Amino acid sequence: MVYLGFNWIAFGFTRQRLHVFLATGLQMSENKPDPEEHDIVTHCVPIAEFEQKMLEGTIRDGCTLSAWGLYLLWKARHS
């Protein structure tokens, strides 16, 4: 697991951080959510589809966008 950095979730409003990690070598397995996670749905999408969803505004939350930016910077330096 590689630490990519952190982002302030709502800078100027709260000091809450979002830490971003890159995990590799993972495999899909059966979901076993905790009771409070019962309504979370996960699925895999190709990177091109993920990026298209960001461009279209389907994915627009700042945490996801900034985490993706950190990953792209890391990838550019390690490719």
N, C-alpha and C. Protein backbone atom coordinates (compact mmCIF):
# COMPACT_ATOMS: atom_id res chain seq x y z
N MET A 1 0.85 -1.17 0.00
CA MET A 1 0.00 0.00 0.00
C MET A 1 0.90 1.23 0.00
N VAL A 2 0.53 2.19 -0.83
CA VAL A 2 1.31 3.42 -0.99
C VAL A 2 0.47 4.61 -0.53
N TYR A 3 1.06 5.43 0.33
CA TYR A 3 0.39 6.65 0.78
C TYR A 3 0.58 7.72 -0.29
N LEU A 4 -0.52 8.24 -0.84
CA LEU A 4 -0.45 9.25 -1.89
C LEU A 4 -0.53 10.67 -1.37
N GLY A 5 -1.06 10.87 -0.18
CA GLY A 5 -1.17 12.20 0.39
C GLY A 5 -2.51 12.39 1.07
N PHE A 6 -2.82 13.64 1.36
CA PHE A 6 -4.11 13.93 2.00
C PHE A 6 -4.68 15.21 1.42
N ASN A 7 -5.97 15.36 1.64
CA ASN A 7 -6.69 16.57 1.24
C ASN A 7 -7.52 17.04 2.43
N TRP A 8 -7.69 18.34 2.51
CA TRP A 8 -8.62 18.89 3.49
C TRP A 8 -10.02 18.74 2.92
N ILE A 9 -10.92 18.17 3.67
CA ILE A 9 -12.27 17.92 3.18
C ILE A 9 -13.04 19.22 2.99
N ALA A 10 -12.94 20.13 3.93
CA ALA A 10 -13.64 21.42 3.82
C ALA A 10 -12.74 22.49 4.42
N PHE A 11 -11.65 22.81 3.71
CA PHE A 11 -10.65 23.74 4.21
C PHE A 11 -11.29 25.08 4.57
N GLY A 12 -10.94 25.60 5.73
CA GLY A 12 -11.50 26.85 6.21
C GLY A 12 -12.75 26.66 7.04
N PHE A 13 -13.32 25.48 6.98
CA PHE A 13 -14.53 25.18 7.74
C PHE A 13 -14.25 24.14 8.83
N THR A 14 -13.47 23.13 8.47
CA THR A 14 -13.12 22.07 9.41
C THR A 14 -11.69 21.62 9.13
N ARG A 15 -11.06 21.00 10.11
CA ARG A 15 -9.70 20.50 9.93
C ARG A 15 -9.70 18.99 9.65
N GLN A 16 -10.78 18.51 9.10
CA GLN A 16 -10.90 17.09 8.79
C GLN A 16 -10.12 16.77 7.51
N ARG A 17 -9.31 15.70 7.56
CA ARG A 17 -8.50 15.30 6.42
C ARG A 17 -9.02 14.02 5.79
N LEU A 18 -8.76 13.88 4.51
CA LEU A 18 -9.02 12.65 3.78
C LEU A 18 -7.65 12.13 3.35
N HIS A 19 -7.24 10.99 3.90
CA HIS A 19 -5.97 10.38 3.53
C HIS A 19 -6.20 9.45 2.35
N VAL A 20 -5.31 9.49 1.37
CA VAL A 20 -5.48 8.73 0.13
C VAL A 20 -4.35 7.71 0.02
N PHE A 21 -4.73 6.46 -0.20
CA PHE A 21 -3.78 5.36 -0.36
C PHE A 21 -4.04 4.65 -1.67
N LEU A 22 -2.99 4.07 -2.24
CA LEU A 22 -3.10 3.20 -3.41
C LEU A 22 -2.79 1.78 -2.96
N ALA A 23 -3.75 0.90 -3.13
CA ALA A 23 -3.56 -0.51 -2.78
C ALA A 23 -3.51 -1.31 -4.07
N THR A 24 -2.52 -2.19 -4.20
CA THR A 24 -2.38 -3.02 -5.39
C THR A 24 -2.43 -4.49 -5.01
N GLY A 25 -2.59 -5.33 -6.00
CA GLY A 25 -2.62 -6.77 -5.77
C GLY A 25 -3.88 -7.25 -5.09
N LEU A 26 -4.97 -6.51 -5.21
CA LEU A 26 -6.23 -6.87 -4.56
C LEU A 26 -7.06 -7.77 -5.47
N GLN A 27 -7.95 -8.52 -4.87
CA GLN A 27 -8.87 -9.37 -5.61
C GLN A 27 -10.28 -9.11 -5.11
N MET A 28 -11.24 -9.17 -6.02
CA MET A 28 -12.65 -9.02 -5.64
C MET A 28 -13.06 -10.23 -4.81
N SER A 29 -13.88 -9.99 -3.82
CA SER A 29 -14.42 -11.08 -3.00
C SER A 29 -15.84 -10.72 -2.60
N GLU A 30 -16.47 -11.63 -1.90
CA GLU A 30 -17.84 -11.41 -1.46
C GLU A 30 -17.89 -10.24 -0.47
N ASN A 31 -18.88 -9.38 -0.63
CA ASN A 31 -19.08 -8.28 0.32
C ASN A 31 -19.64 -8.82 1.62
N LYS A 32 -19.08 -8.37 2.72
CA LYS A 32 -19.60 -8.72 4.04
C LYS A 32 -19.70 -7.42 4.85
N PRO A 33 -20.66 -6.58 4.49
CA PRO A 33 -20.75 -5.26 5.13
C PRO A 33 -21.19 -5.35 6.59
N ASP A 34 -20.73 -4.36 7.36
CA ASP A 34 -21.22 -4.19 8.72
C ASP A 34 -22.68 -3.75 8.63
N PRO A 35 -23.45 -3.91 9.71
CA PRO A 35 -24.88 -3.54 9.67
C PRO A 35 -25.14 -2.11 9.17
N GLU A 36 -24.30 -1.16 9.58
CA GLU A 36 -24.54 0.23 9.15
C GLU A 36 -24.13 0.47 7.70
N GLU A 37 -23.50 -0.51 7.05
CA GLU A 37 -23.09 -0.39 5.66
C GLU A 37 -24.00 -1.18 4.71
N HIS A 38 -25.14 -1.62 5.19
CA HIS A 38 -26.00 -2.52 4.42
C HIS A 38 -26.47 -1.94 3.08
N ASP A 39 -26.51 -0.62 2.96
CA ASP A 39 -27.03 -0.02 1.73
C ASP A 39 -25.93 0.45 0.77
N ILE A 40 -24.67 0.15 1.08
CA ILE A 40 -23.57 0.54 0.19
C ILE A 40 -23.47 -0.47 -0.95
N VAL A 41 -23.42 0.05 -2.16
CA VAL A 41 -23.30 -0.79 -3.35
C VAL A 41 -21.96 -0.49 -4.01
N THR A 42 -21.19 -1.52 -4.30
CA THR A 42 -19.91 -1.34 -4.98
C THR A 42 -19.94 -2.03 -6.33
N HIS A 43 -19.20 -1.47 -7.27
CA HIS A 43 -19.03 -2.12 -8.57
C HIS A 43 -17.79 -1.56 -9.25
N CYS A 44 -17.22 -2.35 -10.13
CA CYS A 44 -16.03 -1.94 -10.88
C CYS A 44 -16.44 -1.36 -12.23
N VAL A 45 -15.74 -0.32 -12.63
CA VAL A 45 -15.95 0.25 -13.96
C VAL A 45 -14.58 0.47 -14.60
N PRO A 46 -14.51 0.41 -15.91
CA PRO A 46 -13.24 0.72 -16.59
C PRO A 46 -12.83 2.17 -16.31
N ILE A 47 -11.54 2.42 -16.33
CA ILE A 47 -11.03 3.77 -16.04
C ILE A 47 -11.64 4.80 -16.99
N ALA A 48 -11.76 4.46 -18.26
CA ALA A 48 -12.33 5.42 -19.22
C ALA A 48 -13.75 5.81 -18.84
N GLU A 49 -14.53 4.85 -18.37
CA GLU A 49 -15.91 5.14 -17.95
C GLU A 49 -15.92 6.00 -16.68
N PHE A 50 -15.03 5.70 -15.74
CA PHE A 50 -14.90 6.48 -14.51
C PHE A 50 -14.57 7.94 -14.85
N GLU A 51 -13.59 8.14 -15.73
CA GLU A 51 -13.21 9.50 -16.11
C GLU A 51 -14.33 10.21 -16.86
N GLN A 52 -15.06 9.49 -17.70
CA GLN A 52 -16.19 10.08 -18.41
C GLN A 52 -17.26 10.54 -17.43
N LYS A 53 -17.51 9.75 -16.40
CA LYS A 53 -18.50 10.12 -15.38
C LYS A 53 -18.07 11.40 -14.66
N MET A 54 -16.76 11.59 -14.44
CA MET A 54 -16.29 12.83 -13.84
C MET A 54 -16.52 14.00 -14.79
N LEU A 55 -16.21 13.82 -16.07
CA LEU A 55 -16.39 14.89 -17.05
C LEU A 55 -17.86 15.27 -17.22
N GLU A 56 -18.75 14.29 -17.17
CA GLU A 56 -20.18 14.53 -17.33
C GLU A 56 -20.82 15.12 -16.08
N GLY A 57 -20.13 15.04 -14.94
CA GLY A 57 -20.70 15.53 -13.70
C GLY A 57 -21.48 14.49 -12.93
N THR A 58 -21.45 13.23 -13.38
CA THR A 58 -22.10 12.16 -12.63
C THR A 58 -21.35 11.92 -11.32
N ILE A 59 -20.02 11.98 -11.40
CA ILE A 59 -19.17 11.93 -10.21
C ILE A 59 -18.64 13.35 -10.03
N ARG A 60 -18.99 13.99 -8.89
CA ARG A 60 -18.57 15.37 -8.72
C ARG A 60 -18.13 15.74 -7.31
N ASP A 61 -18.05 14.74 -6.43
CA ASP A 61 -17.64 15.10 -5.07
C ASP A 61 -16.14 15.37 -5.02
N GLY A 62 -15.77 16.37 -4.25
CA GLY A 62 -14.39 16.82 -4.18
C GLY A 62 -13.41 15.78 -3.69
N CYS A 63 -13.82 14.92 -2.78
CA CYS A 63 -12.92 13.89 -2.26
C CYS A 63 -12.50 12.93 -3.36
N THR A 64 -13.45 12.49 -4.16
CA THR A 64 -13.14 11.56 -5.26
C THR A 64 -12.27 12.25 -6.30
N LEU A 65 -12.62 13.46 -6.68
CA LEU A 65 -11.86 14.17 -7.71
C LEU A 65 -10.43 14.45 -7.26
N SER A 66 -10.24 14.87 -6.02
CA SER A 66 -8.89 15.17 -5.56
C SER A 66 -8.08 13.89 -5.36
N ALA A 67 -8.70 12.82 -4.91
CA ALA A 67 -8.00 11.54 -4.76
C ALA A 67 -7.53 11.04 -6.13
N TRP A 68 -8.38 11.19 -7.15
CA TRP A 68 -8.01 10.77 -8.50
C TRP A 68 -6.83 11.62 -9.00
N GLY A 69 -6.84 12.91 -8.70
CA GLY A 69 -5.73 13.77 -9.08
C GLY A 69 -4.42 13.35 -8.43
N LEU A 70 -4.46 13.00 -7.14
CA LEU A 70 -3.26 12.52 -6.47
C LEU A 70 -2.75 11.24 -7.11
N TYR A 71 -3.67 10.35 -7.46
CA TYR A 71 -3.26 9.11 -8.12
C TYR A 71 -2.60 9.39 -9.46
N LEU A 72 -3.20 10.27 -10.27
CA LEU A 72 -2.63 10.58 -11.58
C LEU A 72 -1.23 11.18 -11.47
N LEU A 73 -1.02 12.06 -10.48
CA LEU A 73 0.31 12.63 -10.26
C LEU A 73 1.31 11.54 -9.87
N TRP A 74 0.90 10.65 -8.97
CA TRP A 74 1.77 9.54 -8.56
C TRP A 74 2.10 8.66 -9.75
N LYS A 75 1.08 8.33 -10.55
CA LYS A 75 1.27 7.45 -11.70
C LYS A 75 2.24 8.06 -12.71
N ALA A 76 2.12 9.37 -12.96
CA ALA A 76 2.99 10.05 -13.92
C ALA A 76 4.45 9.99 -13.47
N ARG A 77 4.69 10.00 -12.19
CA ARG A 77 6.06 9.98 -11.67
C ARG A 77 6.63 8.57 -11.54
N HIS A 78 5.77 7.57 -11.59
CA HIS A 78 6.22 6.18 -11.37
C HIS A 78 5.99 5.29 -12.58
N SER A 79 5.73 5.88 -13.73
CA SER A 79 5.50 5.07 -14.94
C SER A 79 6.75 4.97 -15.77
